[in-house]
Amino acid sequence: MAIDTSDFKNGLTIEYNKAIWRILSFQHVKPGKGGAFVRSKLKNLRTGAVNEVTFRAGERMELADITTRPMQYLYANGDSYVFMDTETYDQLEIPGEKIQDSLKFLLENMEVRVTSYHDEILDVELPVTVELTVTDTQPSIKGATVNGGGKPATMETGLVITVPDFINAGDKLVVNTADGGSYKERA
C-alpha cells in the first residue's frame, strides 16, 4: 500500500531505498521560501542504524508489510535458536547472528515477540525486564548498602552486569533489557 508524507506516524514502517525503516520521529517544515518538506528520523530494521532523512512534502513510498507474532523461546540448536508460535504451534529456527543482542537475556520458555517482513526475521522483542540468576560474583561485603559502588556479577545467560555489594551467587535478580542489562532489584 502506498502512502505519502502526510500519513507519517511514529512507529510506522516504510520501504525506502531498498530497506525497511521504522519512523522514530518526524517534523513537517514549511520554510518561508521554497517547498515544504518533512524531516524524519528513521531506524533501519535490518541493520539497526538510525538515519535522518528529509522528504519532499507529498513524496510517496510503500508501507512495509511487517508482522509481529507472540512466540516462545524453546532451545538452542547449534548456532540457531528455536522459537514456537504460541497461536499455531509452528516452530521457527532463527540464526544466532540475527538476534545477537537478545541472546544475553533469553531463557528457555520465555515469551517474546518476533517481528518479520514476509519470511525475513527482523527482530526479537524481549520483555522490558527478565529474571536471571547470579552464577558468579565476589562474596558480599558485610554491612554493604544499596548505595555502594557495586561489583560485577555473571548471570546464568553469560551476561555480566554491575550489582550492589550485598548480592550473592544464587540470587535471582530483575534485569532491565531496554538499556542493555542493568540491575533493577532482587526478584
Protein backbone atom coordinates (compact mmCIF):
# COMPACT_ATOMS: atom_id res chain seq x y z
CA MET A 1 0.00 0.00 0.00
CA ALA A 2 1.39 3.39 -0.98
CA ILE A 3 1.41 6.29 1.49
CA ASP A 4 2.80 9.82 1.40
CA THR A 5 4.49 12.04 3.98
CA SER A 6 1.14 13.35 5.27
CA ASP A 7 0.40 9.80 6.54
CA PHE A 8 3.58 9.62 8.69
CA LYS A 9 3.14 8.44 12.29
CA ASN A 10 5.75 7.45 14.86
CA GLY A 11 6.24 3.67 14.75
CA LEU A 12 5.07 3.30 11.13
CA THR A 13 7.23 1.04 8.93
CA ILE A 14 8.04 2.01 5.34
CA GLU A 15 10.04 0.70 2.38
CA TYR A 16 12.58 3.31 1.28
CA ASN A 17 15.86 2.94 -0.68
CA LYS A 18 15.50 -0.87 -0.79
CA ALA A 19 15.41 -1.12 3.03
CA ILE A 20 12.77 -1.45 5.75
CA TRP A 21 12.57 1.57 8.08
CA ARG A 22 10.60 2.39 11.24
CA ILE A 23 9.73 6.07 11.72
CA LEU A 24 11.09 7.16 15.11
CA SER A 25 10.14 10.85 14.76
CA PHE A 26 9.22 13.35 12.06
CA GLN A 27 8.54 17.06 11.66
CA HIS A 28 6.68 18.91 8.89
CA VAL A 29 8.60 22.07 7.93
CA LYS A 30 7.21 24.96 5.84
CA PRO A 31 10.01 27.44 5.12
CA GLY A 32 9.24 30.99 4.02
CA LYS A 33 10.81 30.31 0.61
CA GLY A 34 10.68 27.06 -1.30
CA GLY A 35 8.54 23.96 -0.89
CA ALA A 36 7.52 22.26 2.33
CA PHE A 37 9.42 19.18 3.47
CA VAL A 38 9.38 16.51 6.18
CA ARG A 39 12.46 15.97 8.36
CA SER A 40 12.42 12.45 9.83
CA LYS A 41 14.48 10.11 11.95
CA LEU A 42 14.32 6.51 10.66
CA LYS A 43 15.64 3.22 12.05
CA ASN A 44 16.75 0.53 9.61
CA LEU A 45 15.12 -2.68 10.85
CA ARG A 46 17.73 -4.89 9.17
CA THR A 47 20.88 -3.18 10.48
CA GLY A 48 19.62 -1.16 13.45
CA ALA A 49 21.20 2.03 12.05
CA VAL A 50 19.38 5.31 12.72
CA ASN A 51 19.42 7.94 9.93
CA GLU A 52 17.95 11.38 9.48
CA VAL A 53 16.16 11.65 6.13
CA THR A 54 14.44 14.65 4.53
CA PHE A 55 11.45 14.01 2.22
CA ARG A 56 9.66 16.50 -0.04
CA ALA A 57 6.10 17.13 1.16
CA GLY A 58 3.76 14.67 -0.56
CA GLU A 59 6.55 12.24 -1.54
CA ARG A 60 5.16 8.69 -1.88
CA MET A 61 6.59 5.39 -0.63
CA GLU A 62 5.36 1.89 0.14
CA LEU A 63 4.10 0.84 3.56
CA ALA A 64 6.15 -2.18 4.72
CA ASP A 65 4.14 -5.32 5.49
CA ILE A 66 5.52 -6.07 8.98
CA THR A 67 4.03 -8.78 11.21
CA THR A 68 4.70 -9.24 14.91
CA ARG A 69 3.76 -12.55 16.50
CA PRO A 70 3.96 -13.77 20.09
CA MET A 71 6.42 -16.67 20.32
CA GLN A 72 8.06 -18.80 22.97
CA TYR A 73 11.81 -19.50 23.02
CA LEU A 74 12.34 -23.27 23.21
CA TYR A 75 16.04 -24.19 22.89
CA ALA A 76 19.36 -23.60 21.14
CA ASN A 77 20.17 -25.86 18.19
CA GLY A 78 23.86 -25.31 17.41
CA ASP A 79 24.18 -21.71 16.14
CA SER A 80 20.40 -21.39 15.70
CA TYR A 81 17.61 -20.77 18.19
CA VAL A 82 14.20 -22.44 18.02
CA PHE A 83 11.00 -20.47 18.75
CA MET A 84 7.39 -21.69 18.75
CA ASP A 85 4.42 -19.62 17.60
CA THR A 86 2.06 -19.62 20.62
CA GLU A 87 -1.03 -19.49 18.39
CA THR A 88 -0.26 -22.05 15.66
CA TYR A 89 2.46 -24.09 17.47
CA ASP A 90 4.65 -23.82 14.33
CA GLN A 91 8.37 -23.85 15.10
CA LEU A 92 10.82 -21.34 13.67
CA GLU A 93 14.61 -21.55 13.69
CA ILE A 94 16.44 -18.20 13.81
CA PRO A 95 20.21 -17.91 13.18
CA GLY A 96 22.15 -16.56 16.18
CA GLU A 97 23.69 -13.64 14.28
CA LYS A 98 20.17 -12.25 13.60
CA ILE A 99 19.37 -11.95 17.32
CA GLN A 100 22.84 -11.40 18.83
CA ASP A 101 21.74 -8.62 21.24
CA SER A 102 18.78 -10.63 22.59
CA LEU A 103 20.76 -13.79 23.37
CA LYS A 104 22.17 -12.47 26.66
CA PHE A 105 18.62 -12.29 28.08
CA LEU A 106 16.96 -15.40 26.56
CA LEU A 107 15.87 -18.24 28.85
CA GLU A 108 14.03 -21.38 27.80
CA ASN A 109 10.21 -20.99 27.70
CA MET A 110 10.46 -17.17 27.67
CA GLU A 111 7.65 -15.32 25.87
CA VAL A 112 8.92 -12.87 23.20
CA ARG A 113 7.53 -11.07 20.15
CA VAL A 114 9.11 -11.85 16.76
CA THR A 115 8.92 -9.18 14.05
CA SER A 116 9.20 -10.29 10.42
CA TYR A 117 8.94 -8.87 6.92
CA HIS A 118 7.48 -11.52 4.63
CA ASP A 119 9.70 -14.51 5.62
CA GLU A 120 12.68 -12.44 6.85
CA ILE A 121 13.12 -12.20 10.64
CA LEU A 122 13.93 -8.61 11.63
CA ASP A 123 13.82 -8.58 15.42
CA VAL A 124 13.10 -10.47 18.62
CA GLU A 125 11.41 -8.12 21.10
CA LEU A 126 12.10 -9.05 24.72
CA PRO A 127 10.03 -8.22 27.80
CA VAL A 128 11.14 -4.94 29.46
CA THR A 129 12.55 -6.89 32.43
CA VAL A 130 13.68 -10.50 32.90
CA GLU A 131 14.52 -12.56 35.99
CA LEU A 132 18.04 -14.02 35.88
CA THR A 133 20.05 -15.95 38.48
CA VAL A 134 23.54 -14.83 39.51
CA THR A 135 26.03 -17.65 38.78
CA ASP A 136 29.24 -15.90 39.81
CA THR A 137 30.18 -12.81 41.79
CA GLN A 138 32.53 -11.76 44.56
CA PRO A 139 31.34 -12.59 48.10
CA SER A 140 29.04 -9.98 49.62
CA ILE A 141 30.54 -7.34 51.87
CA LYS A 142 29.17 -7.25 55.42
CA GLY A 143 27.28 -4.02 56.08
CA ALA A 144 27.04 -3.15 52.35
CA THR A 145 24.20 -0.84 51.38
CA VAL A 146 22.22 -0.34 48.21
CA ASN A 147 24.12 2.89 47.52
CA GLY A 148 27.55 1.19 47.42
CA GLY A 149 29.80 1.27 44.36
CA GLY A 150 28.80 -2.13 43.04
CA LYS A 151 30.61 -5.19 41.69
CA PRO A 152 30.42 -7.29 38.51
CA ALA A 153 28.12 -10.32 38.50
CA THR A 154 27.78 -13.04 35.83
CA MET A 155 24.20 -14.12 35.15
CA GLU A 156 23.04 -17.59 34.01
CA THR A 157 22.94 -16.45 30.35
CA GLY A 158 26.56 -15.20 30.45
CA LEU A 159 25.53 -11.54 30.76
CA VAL A 160 27.80 -9.52 33.08
CA ILE A 161 26.17 -6.61 34.94
CA THR A 162 27.07 -4.35 37.86
CA VAL A 163 25.16 -5.19 41.04
CA PRO A 164 25.15 -3.80 44.61
CA ASP A 165 27.75 -5.24 47.01
CA PHE A 166 25.18 -7.25 49.03
CA ILE A 167 24.21 -9.54 46.09
CA ASN A 168 25.46 -13.18 46.28
CA ALA A 169 25.78 -16.06 43.79
CA GLY A 170 22.42 -17.85 43.53
CA ASP A 171 20.33 -14.67 44.00
CA LYS A 172 17.53 -14.11 41.45
CA LEU A 173 17.55 -10.56 40.07
CA VAL A 174 15.25 -8.46 37.91
CA VAL A 175 17.32 -7.12 34.99
CA ASN A 176 16.28 -4.30 32.63
CA THR A 177 16.58 -5.38 28.96
CA ALA A 178 15.79 -1.97 27.44
CA ASP A 179 19.15 -0.41 28.42
CA GLY A 180 21.31 -3.42 27.59
CA GLY A 181 21.13 -5.03 31.02
CA SER A 182 21.12 -3.12 34.27
CA TYR A 183 20.29 -4.32 37.79
CA LYS A 184 16.78 -3.27 38.83
CA GLU A 185 16.01 -5.22 42.05
CA ARG A 186 16.03 -8.64 43.68
CA ALA A 187 13.32 -10.95 42.40
